[in-house]
Amino acid sequence: RDCAPDARVVIGDARISLAHAPAG
């Protein structure tokens, strides 16, 4: 809250989330 209030938080297994994220 204090340091990165604009950070995006993705709920779910990170490996699956990263597999669907844009390359690079």
mmCIF file of all heavy atoms, coordinates in Angstrom:
data_MODEL
# 
_entry.id   MODEL 
# 
loop_
_atom_site.group_PDB 
_atom_site.id 
_atom_site.type_symbol 
_atom_site.label_atom_id 
_atom_site.label_alt_id 
_atom_site.label_comp_id 
_atom_site.label_asym_id 
_atom_site.label_entity_id 
_atom_site.label_seq_id 
_atom_site.pdbx_PDB_ins_code 
_atom_site.Cartn_x 
_atom_site.Cartn_y 
_atom_site.Cartn_z 
_atom_site.occupancy 
_atom_site.B_iso_or_equiv 
_atom_site.pdbx_formal_charge 
_atom_site.auth_seq_id 
_atom_site.auth_comp_id 
_atom_site.auth_asym_id 
_atom_site.auth_atom_id 
_atom_site.pdbx_PDB_model_num 
ATOM 1   N N   . ARG A 1 1  ? 0.820  -1.207  0.000   1.00 0.00 ? 1  ARG A N   1 
ATOM 2   C CA  . ARG A 1 1  ? 0.000  0.000   0.000   1.00 0.00 ? 1  ARG A CA  1 
ATOM 3   C C   . ARG A 1 1  ? 0.854  1.258   0.000   1.00 0.00 ? 1  ARG A C   1 
ATOM 4   O O   . ARG A 1 1  ? 0.565  2.231   -0.723  1.00 0.00 ? 1  ARG A O   1 
ATOM 5   C CB  . ARG A 1 1  ? -0.905 -0.012  1.226   1.00 0.00 ? 1  ARG A CB  1 
ATOM 6   C CG  . ARG A 1 1  ? -1.855 1.172   1.322   1.00 0.00 ? 1  ARG A CG  1 
ATOM 7   C CD  . ARG A 1 1  ? -2.518 1.217   2.689   1.00 0.00 ? 1  ARG A CD  1 
ATOM 8   N NE  . ARG A 1 1  ? -1.547 1.524   3.752   1.00 0.00 ? 1  ARG A NE  1 
ATOM 9   C CZ  . ARG A 1 1  ? -1.795 1.402   5.047   1.00 0.00 ? 1  ARG A CZ  1 
ATOM 10  N NH1 . ARG A 1 1  ? -2.976 0.932   5.456   1.00 0.00 ? 1  ARG A NH1 1 
ATOM 11  N NH2 . ARG A 1 1  ? -0.876 1.718   5.941   1.00 0.00 ? 1  ARG A NH2 1 
ATOM 12  N N   . ASP A 1 2  ? 1.947  1.253   0.767   1.00 0.00 ? 2  ASP A N   1 
ATOM 13  C CA  . ASP A 1 2  ? 2.736  2.472   0.936   1.00 0.00 ? 2  ASP A CA  1 
ATOM 14  C C   . ASP A 1 2  ? 3.766  2.683   -0.170  1.00 0.00 ? 2  ASP A C   1 
ATOM 15  O O   . ASP A 1 2  ? 4.104  3.835   -0.479  1.00 0.00 ? 2  ASP A O   1 
ATOM 16  C CB  . ASP A 1 2  ? 3.459  2.441   2.283   1.00 0.00 ? 2  ASP A CB  1 
ATOM 17  C CG  . ASP A 1 2  ? 2.494  2.471   3.462   1.00 0.00 ? 2  ASP A CG  1 
ATOM 18  O OD1 . ASP A 1 2  ? 1.339  2.906   3.270   1.00 0.00 ? 2  ASP A OD1 1 
ATOM 19  O OD2 . ASP A 1 2  ? 2.888  2.046   4.565   1.00 0.00 ? 2  ASP A OD2 1 
ATOM 20  N N   . CYS A 1 3  ? 4.282  1.601   -0.743  1.00 0.00 ? 3  CYS A N   1 
ATOM 21  C CA  . CYS A 1 3  ? 5.393  1.732   -1.695  1.00 0.00 ? 3  CYS A CA  1 
ATOM 22  C C   . CYS A 1 3  ? 5.003  1.472   -3.146  1.00 0.00 ? 3  CYS A C   1 
ATOM 23  O O   . CYS A 1 3  ? 5.631  2.017   -4.054  1.00 0.00 ? 3  CYS A O   1 
ATOM 24  C CB  . CYS A 1 3  ? 6.523  0.773   -1.315  1.00 0.00 ? 3  CYS A CB  1 
ATOM 25  S SG  . CYS A 1 3  ? 7.251  1.093   0.306   1.00 0.00 ? 3  CYS A SG  1 
ATOM 26  N N   . ALA A 1 4  ? 4.001  0.637   -3.370  1.00 0.00 ? 4  ALA A N   1 
ATOM 27  C CA  . ALA A 1 4  ? 3.640  0.305   -4.753  1.00 0.00 ? 4  ALA A CA  1 
ATOM 28  C C   . ALA A 1 4  ? 2.130  0.176   -4.887  1.00 0.00 ? 4  ALA A C   1 
ATOM 29  O O   . ALA A 1 4  ? 1.609  -0.875  -5.269  1.00 0.00 ? 4  ALA A O   1 
ATOM 30  C CB  . ALA A 1 4  ? 4.326  -0.989  -5.184  1.00 0.00 ? 4  ALA A CB  1 
ATOM 31  N N   . PRO A 1 5  ? 1.400  1.223   -4.577  1.00 0.00 ? 5  PRO A N   1 
ATOM 32  C CA  . PRO A 1 5  ? -0.069 1.118   -4.644  1.00 0.00 ? 5  PRO A CA  1 
ATOM 33  C C   . PRO A 1 5  ? -0.584 0.873   -6.049  1.00 0.00 ? 5  PRO A C   1 
ATOM 34  O O   . PRO A 1 5  ? -1.701 0.378   -6.215  1.00 0.00 ? 5  PRO A O   1 
ATOM 35  C CB  . PRO A 1 5  ? -0.536 2.472   -4.103  1.00 0.00 ? 5  PRO A CB  1 
ATOM 36  C CG  . PRO A 1 5  ? 0.617  3.398   -4.333  1.00 0.00 ? 5  PRO A CG  1 
ATOM 37  C CD  . PRO A 1 5  ? 1.847  2.570   -4.184  1.00 0.00 ? 5  PRO A CD  1 
ATOM 38  N N   . ASP A 1 6  ? 0.224  1.219   -7.061  1.00 0.00 ? 6  ASP A N   1 
ATOM 39  C CA  . ASP A 1 6  ? -0.210 1.026   -8.445  1.00 0.00 ? 6  ASP A CA  1 
ATOM 40  C C   . ASP A 1 6  ? 0.277  -0.295  -9.025  1.00 0.00 ? 6  ASP A C   1 
ATOM 41  O O   . ASP A 1 6  ? 0.076  -0.565  -10.216 1.00 0.00 ? 6  ASP A O   1 
ATOM 42  C CB  . ASP A 1 6  ? 0.286  2.179   -9.312  1.00 0.00 ? 6  ASP A CB  1 
ATOM 43  C CG  . ASP A 1 6  ? 1.805  2.325   -9.272  1.00 0.00 ? 6  ASP A CG  1 
ATOM 44  O OD1 . ASP A 1 6  ? 2.435  1.803   -8.312  1.00 0.00 ? 6  ASP A OD1 1 
ATOM 45  O OD2 . ASP A 1 6  ? 2.378  2.970   -10.170 1.00 0.00 ? 6  ASP A OD2 1 
ATOM 46  N N   . ALA A 1 7  ? 0.942  -1.110  -8.215  1.00 0.00 ? 7  ALA A N   1 
ATOM 47  C CA  . ALA A 1 7  ? 1.439  -2.395  -8.713  1.00 0.00 ? 7  ALA A CA  1 
ATOM 48  C C   . ALA A 1 7  ? 0.272  -3.308  -9.076  1.00 0.00 ? 7  ALA A C   1 
ATOM 49  O O   . ALA A 1 7  ? -0.771 -3.313  -8.420  1.00 0.00 ? 7  ALA A O   1 
ATOM 50  C CB  . ALA A 1 7  ? 2.318  -3.063  -7.672  1.00 0.00 ? 7  ALA A CB  1 
ATOM 51  N N   . ARG A 1 8  ? 0.460  -4.072  -10.117 1.00 0.00 ? 8  ARG A N   1 
ATOM 52  C CA  . ARG A 1 8  ? -0.555 -5.037  -10.545 1.00 0.00 ? 8  ARG A CA  1 
ATOM 53  C C   . ARG A 1 8  ? -0.347 -6.346  -9.782  1.00 0.00 ? 8  ARG A C   1 
ATOM 54  O O   . ARG A 1 8  ? 0.776  -6.820  -9.654  1.00 0.00 ? 8  ARG A O   1 
ATOM 55  C CB  . ARG A 1 8  ? -0.417 -5.267  -12.048 1.00 0.00 ? 8  ARG A CB  1 
ATOM 56  C CG  . ARG A 1 8  ? -1.409 -6.220  -12.666 1.00 0.00 ? 8  ARG A CG  1 
ATOM 57  C CD  . ARG A 1 8  ? -1.370 -6.111  -14.185 1.00 0.00 ? 8  ARG A CD  1 
ATOM 58  N NE  . ARG A 1 8  ? -2.057 -7.213  -14.830 1.00 0.00 ? 8  ARG A NE  1 
ATOM 59  C CZ  . ARG A 1 8  ? -1.446 -8.231  -15.427 1.00 0.00 ? 8  ARG A CZ  1 
ATOM 60  N NH1 . ARG A 1 8  ? -0.116 -8.254  -15.492 1.00 0.00 ? 8  ARG A NH1 1 
ATOM 61  N NH2 . ARG A 1 8  ? -2.149 -9.202  -15.996 1.00 0.00 ? 8  ARG A NH2 1 
ATOM 62  N N   . VAL A 1 9  ? -1.432 -6.939  -9.268  1.00 0.00 ? 9  VAL A N   1 
ATOM 63  C CA  . VAL A 1 9  ? -1.358 -8.215  -8.561  1.00 0.00 ? 9  VAL A CA  1 
ATOM 64  C C   . VAL A 1 9  ? -2.222 -9.222  -9.314  1.00 0.00 ? 9  VAL A C   1 
ATOM 65  O O   . VAL A 1 9  ? -3.422 -9.009  -9.501  1.00 0.00 ? 9  VAL A O   1 
ATOM 66  C CB  . VAL A 1 9  ? -1.838 -8.098  -7.098  1.00 0.00 ? 9  VAL A CB  1 
ATOM 67  C CG1 . VAL A 1 9  ? -1.732 -9.449  -6.398  1.00 0.00 ? 9  VAL A CG1 1 
ATOM 68  C CG2 . VAL A 1 9  ? -1.024 -7.047  -6.348  1.00 0.00 ? 9  VAL A CG2 1 
ATOM 69  N N   . VAL A 1 10 ? -1.590 -10.297 -9.759  1.00 0.00 ? 10 VAL A N   1 
ATOM 70  C CA  . VAL A 1 10 ? -2.278 -11.358 -10.502 1.00 0.00 ? 10 VAL A CA  1 
ATOM 71  C C   . VAL A 1 10 ? -2.458 -12.552 -9.566  1.00 0.00 ? 10 VAL A C   1 
ATOM 72  O O   . VAL A 1 10 ? -1.473 -13.099 -9.061  1.00 0.00 ? 10 VAL A O   1 
ATOM 73  C CB  . VAL A 1 10 ? -1.473 -11.773 -11.746 1.00 0.00 ? 10 VAL A CB  1 
ATOM 74  C CG1 . VAL A 1 10 ? -2.185 -12.902 -12.484 1.00 0.00 ? 10 VAL A CG1 1 
ATOM 75  C CG2 . VAL A 1 10 ? -1.257 -10.580 -12.665 1.00 0.00 ? 10 VAL A CG2 1 
ATOM 76  N N   . ILE A 1 11 ? -3.704 -12.938 -9.315  1.00 0.00 ? 11 ILE A N   1 
ATOM 77  C CA  . ILE A 1 11 ? -3.998 -14.085 -8.449  1.00 0.00 ? 11 ILE A CA  1 
ATOM 78  C C   . ILE A 1 11 ? -4.089 -15.342 -9.315  1.00 0.00 ? 11 ILE A C   1 
ATOM 79  O O   . ILE A 1 11 ? -4.818 -15.378 -10.303 1.00 0.00 ? 11 ILE A O   1 
ATOM 80  C CB  . ILE A 1 11 ? -5.309 -13.882 -7.685  1.00 0.00 ? 11 ILE A CB  1 
ATOM 81  C CG1 . ILE A 1 11 ? -5.152 -12.713 -6.698  1.00 0.00 ? 11 ILE A CG1 1 
ATOM 82  C CG2 . ILE A 1 11 ? -5.704 -15.149 -6.924  1.00 0.00 ? 11 ILE A CG2 1 
ATOM 83  C CD1 . ILE A 1 11 ? -4.148 -12.980 -5.593  1.00 0.00 ? 11 ILE A CD1 1 
ATOM 84  N N   . GLY A 1 12 ? -3.352 -16.358 -8.925  1.00 0.00 ? 12 GLY A N   1 
ATOM 85  C CA  . GLY A 1 12 ? -3.329 -17.620 -9.665  1.00 0.00 ? 12 GLY A CA  1 
ATOM 86  C C   . GLY A 1 12 ? -1.928 -18.177 -9.694  1.00 0.00 ? 12 GLY A C   1 
ATOM 87  O O   . GLY A 1 12 ? -0.969 -17.550 -9.225  1.00 0.00 ? 12 GLY A O   1 
ATOM 88  N N   . ASP A 1 13 ? -1.781 -19.371 -10.241 1.00 0.00 ? 13 ASP A N   1 
ATOM 89  C CA  . ASP A 1 13 ? -0.463 -19.994 -10.340 1.00 0.00 ? 13 ASP A CA  1 
ATOM 90  C C   . ASP A 1 13 ? 0.427  -19.164 -11.272 1.00 0.00 ? 13 ASP A C   1 
ATOM 91  O O   . ASP A 1 13 ? 0.055  -18.869 -12.408 1.00 0.00 ? 13 ASP A O   1 
ATOM 92  C CB  . ASP A 1 13 ? -0.597 -21.418 -10.867 1.00 0.00 ? 13 ASP A CB  1 
ATOM 93  C CG  . ASP A 1 13 ? 0.730  -22.156 -10.875 1.00 0.00 ? 13 ASP A CG  1 
ATOM 94  O OD1 . ASP A 1 13 ? 1.474  -22.010 -11.859 1.00 0.00 ? 13 ASP A OD1 1 
ATOM 95  O OD2 . ASP A 1 13 ? 1.038  -22.845 -9.885  1.00 0.00 ? 13 ASP A OD2 1 
ATOM 96  N N   . ALA A 1 14 ? 1.606  -18.793 -10.775 1.00 0.00 ? 14 ALA A N   1 
ATOM 97  C CA  . ALA A 1 14 ? 2.472  -17.878 -11.521 1.00 0.00 ? 14 ALA A CA  1 
ATOM 98  C C   . ALA A 1 14 ? 2.924  -18.474 -12.846 1.00 0.00 ? 14 ALA A C   1 
ATOM 99  O O   . ALA A 1 14 ? 3.042  -17.762 -13.850 1.00 0.00 ? 14 ALA A O   1 
ATOM 100 C CB  . ALA A 1 14 ? 3.694  -17.515 -10.674 1.00 0.00 ? 14 ALA A CB  1 
ATOM 101 N N   . ARG A 1 15 ? 3.174  -19.763 -12.861 1.00 0.00 ? 15 ARG A N   1 
ATOM 102 C CA  . ARG A 1 15 ? 3.652  -20.377 -14.103 1.00 0.00 ? 15 ARG A CA  1 
ATOM 103 C C   . ARG A 1 15 ? 2.598  -20.274 -15.196 1.00 0.00 ? 15 ARG A C   1 
ATOM 104 O O   . ARG A 1 15 ? 2.915  -19.940 -16.348 1.00 0.00 ? 15 ARG A O   1 
ATOM 105 C CB  . ARG A 1 15 ? 4.020  -21.836 -13.834 1.00 0.00 ? 15 ARG A CB  1 
ATOM 106 C CG  . ARG A 1 15 ? 4.399  -22.590 -15.070 1.00 0.00 ? 15 ARG A CG  1 
ATOM 107 C CD  . ARG A 1 15 ? 4.969  -23.954 -14.772 1.00 0.00 ? 15 ARG A CD  1 
ATOM 108 N NE  . ARG A 1 15 ? 4.837  -24.812 -15.922 1.00 0.00 ? 15 ARG A NE  1 
ATOM 109 C CZ  . ARG A 1 15 ? 5.350  -26.033 -16.012 1.00 0.00 ? 15 ARG A CZ  1 
ATOM 110 N NH1 . ARG A 1 15 ? 6.041  -26.526 -14.990 1.00 0.00 ? 15 ARG A NH1 1 
ATOM 111 N NH2 . ARG A 1 15 ? 5.180  -26.765 -17.094 1.00 0.00 ? 15 ARG A NH2 1 
ATOM 112 N N   . ILE A 1 16 ? 1.342  -20.533 -14.850 1.00 0.00 ? 16 ILE A N   1 
ATOM 113 C CA  . ILE A 1 16 ? 0.269  -20.425 -15.834 1.00 0.00 ? 16 ILE A CA  1 
ATOM 114 C C   . ILE A 1 16 ? 0.069  -18.972 -16.253 1.00 0.00 ? 16 ILE A C   1 
ATOM 115 O O   . ILE A 1 16 ? -0.109 -18.665 -17.439 1.00 0.00 ? 16 ILE A O   1 
ATOM 116 C CB  . ILE A 1 16 ? -1.031 -21.014 -15.255 1.00 0.00 ? 16 ILE A CB  1 
ATOM 117 C CG1 . ILE A 1 16 ? -0.857 -22.505 -14.974 1.00 0.00 ? 16 ILE A CG1 1 
ATOM 118 C CG2 . ILE A 1 16 ? -2.201 -20.776 -16.190 1.00 0.00 ? 16 ILE A CG2 1 
ATOM 119 C CD1 . ILE A 1 16 ? -2.029 -23.142 -14.261 1.00 0.00 ? 16 ILE A CD1 1 
ATOM 120 N N   . SER A 1 17 ? 0.140  -18.067 -15.286 1.00 0.00 ? 17 SER A N   1 
ATOM 121 C CA  . SER A 1 17 ? -0.044 -16.645 -15.595 1.00 0.00 ? 17 SER A CA  1 
ATOM 122 C C   . SER A 1 17 ? 1.055  -16.135 -16.511 1.00 0.00 ? 17 SER A C   1 
ATOM 123 O O   . SER A 1 17 ? 0.792  -15.395 -17.474 1.00 0.00 ? 17 SER A O   1 
ATOM 124 C CB  . SER A 1 17 ? -0.071 -15.829 -14.300 1.00 0.00 ? 17 SER A CB  1 
ATOM 125 O OG  . SER A 1 17 ? -1.127 -16.238 -13.455 1.00 0.00 ? 17 SER A OG  1 
ATOM 126 N N   . LEU A 1 18 ? 2.305  -16.505 -16.234 1.00 0.00 ? 18 LEU A N   1 
ATOM 127 C CA  . LEU A 1 18 ? 3.425  -16.054 -17.067 1.00 0.00 ? 18 LEU A CA  1 
ATOM 128 C C   . LEU A 1 18 ? 3.370  -16.664 -18.459 1.00 0.00 ? 18 LEU A C   1 
ATOM 129 O O   . LEU A 1 18 ? 3.794  -16.040 -19.444 1.00 0.00 ? 18 LEU A O   1 
ATOM 130 C CB  . LEU A 1 18 ? 4.754  -16.408 -16.392 1.00 0.00 ? 18 LEU A CB  1 
ATOM 131 C CG  . LEU A 1 18 ? 5.147  -15.522 -15.207 1.00 0.00 ? 18 LEU A CG  1 
ATOM 132 C CD1 . LEU A 1 18 ? 6.316  -16.132 -14.442 1.00 0.00 ? 18 LEU A CD1 1 
ATOM 133 C CD2 . LEU A 1 18 ? 5.510  -14.110 -15.676 1.00 0.00 ? 18 LEU A CD2 1 
ATOM 134 N N   . ALA A 1 19 ? 2.849  -17.899 -18.553 1.00 0.00 ? 19 ALA A N   1 
ATOM 135 C CA  . ALA A 1 19 ? 2.745  -18.536 -19.867 1.00 0.00 ? 19 ALA A CA  1 
ATOM 136 C C   . ALA A 1 19 ? 1.795  -17.770 -20.782 1.00 0.00 ? 19 ALA A C   1 
ATOM 137 O O   . ALA A 1 19 ? 1.938  -17.811 -22.011 1.00 0.00 ? 19 ALA A O   1 
ATOM 138 C CB  . ALA A 1 19 ? 2.285  -19.978 -19.704 1.00 0.00 ? 19 ALA A CB  1 
ATOM 139 N N   . HIS A 1 20 ? 0.822  -17.069 -20.184 1.00 0.00 ? 20 HIS A N   1 
ATOM 140 C CA  . HIS A 1 20 ? -0.139 -16.301 -20.977 1.00 0.00 ? 20 HIS A CA  1 
ATOM 141 C C   . HIS A 1 20 ? 0.227  -14.818 -21.071 1.00 0.00 ? 20 HIS A C   1 
ATOM 142 O O   . HIS A 1 20 ? -0.495 -14.049 -21.704 1.00 0.00 ? 20 HIS A O   1 
ATOM 143 C CB  . HIS A 1 20 ? -1.545 -16.438 -20.385 1.00 0.00 ? 20 HIS A CB  1 
ATOM 144 C CG  . HIS A 1 20 ? -2.103 -17.822 -20.506 1.00 0.00 ? 20 HIS A CG  1 
ATOM 145 N ND1 . HIS A 1 20 ? -1.945 -18.783 -19.527 1.00 0.00 ? 20 HIS A ND1 1 
ATOM 146 C CD2 . HIS A 1 20 ? -2.806 -18.424 -21.513 1.00 0.00 ? 20 HIS A CD2 1 
ATOM 147 C CE1 . HIS A 1 20 ? -2.542 -19.909 -19.912 1.00 0.00 ? 20 HIS A CE1 1 
ATOM 148 N NE2 . HIS A 1 20 ? -3.070 -19.713 -21.112 1.00 0.00 ? 20 HIS A NE2 1 
ATOM 149 N N   . ALA A 1 21 ? 1.335  -14.424 -20.417 1.00 0.00 ? 21 ALA A N   1 
ATOM 150 C CA  . ALA A 1 21 ? 1.764  -13.022 -20.450 1.00 0.00 ? 21 ALA A CA  1 
ATOM 151 C C   . ALA A 1 21 ? 2.493  -12.726 -21.760 1.00 0.00 ? 21 ALA A C   1 
ATOM 152 O O   . ALA A 1 21 ? 2.997  -13.643 -22.422 1.00 0.00 ? 21 ALA A O   1 
ATOM 153 C CB  . ALA A 1 21 ? 2.661  -12.727 -19.255 1.00 0.00 ? 21 ALA A CB  1 
ATOM 154 N N   . PRO A 1 22 ? 2.579  -11.457 -22.170 1.00 0.00 ? 22 PRO A N   1 
ATOM 155 C CA  . PRO A 1 22 ? 3.306  -11.111 -23.397 1.00 0.00 ? 22 PRO A CA  1 
ATOM 156 C C   . PRO A 1 22 ? 4.777  -11.519 -23.317 1.00 0.00 ? 22 PRO A C   1 
ATOM 157 O O   . PRO A 1 22 ? 5.413  -11.403 -22.261 1.00 0.00 ? 22 PRO A O   1 
ATOM 158 C CB  . PRO A 1 22 ? 3.156  -9.582  -23.480 1.00 0.00 ? 22 PRO A CB  1 
ATOM 159 C CG  . PRO A 1 22 ? 1.955  -9.275  -22.644 1.00 0.00 ? 22 PRO A CG  1 
ATOM 160 C CD  . PRO A 1 22 ? 1.938  -10.288 -21.551 1.00 0.00 ? 22 PRO A CD  1 
ATOM 161 N N   . ALA A 1 23 ? 5.316  -12.016 -24.402 1.00 0.00 ? 23 ALA A N   1 
ATOM 162 C CA  . ALA A 1 23 ? 6.724  -12.409 -24.447 1.00 0.00 ? 23 ALA A CA  1 
ATOM 163 C C   . ALA A 1 23 ? 7.606  -11.174 -24.271 1.00 0.00 ? 23 ALA A C   1 
ATOM 164 O O   . ALA A 1 23 ? 7.306  -10.090 -24.783 1.00 0.00 ? 23 ALA A O   1 
ATOM 165 C CB  . ALA A 1 23 ? 7.037  -13.097 -25.768 1.00 0.00 ? 23 ALA A CB  1 
ATOM 166 N N   . GLY A 1 24 ? 8.707  -11.343 -23.532 1.00 0.00 ? 24 GLY A N   1 
ATOM 167 C CA  . GLY A 1 24 ? 9.644  -10.249 -23.321 1.00 0.00 ? 24 GLY A CA  1 
ATOM 168 C C   . GLY A 1 24 ? 9.100  -9.129  -22.480 1.00 0.00 ? 24 GLY A C   1 
ATOM 169 O O   . GLY A 1 24 ? 9.615  -8.001  -22.532 1.00 0.00 ? 24 GLY A O   1 
# 
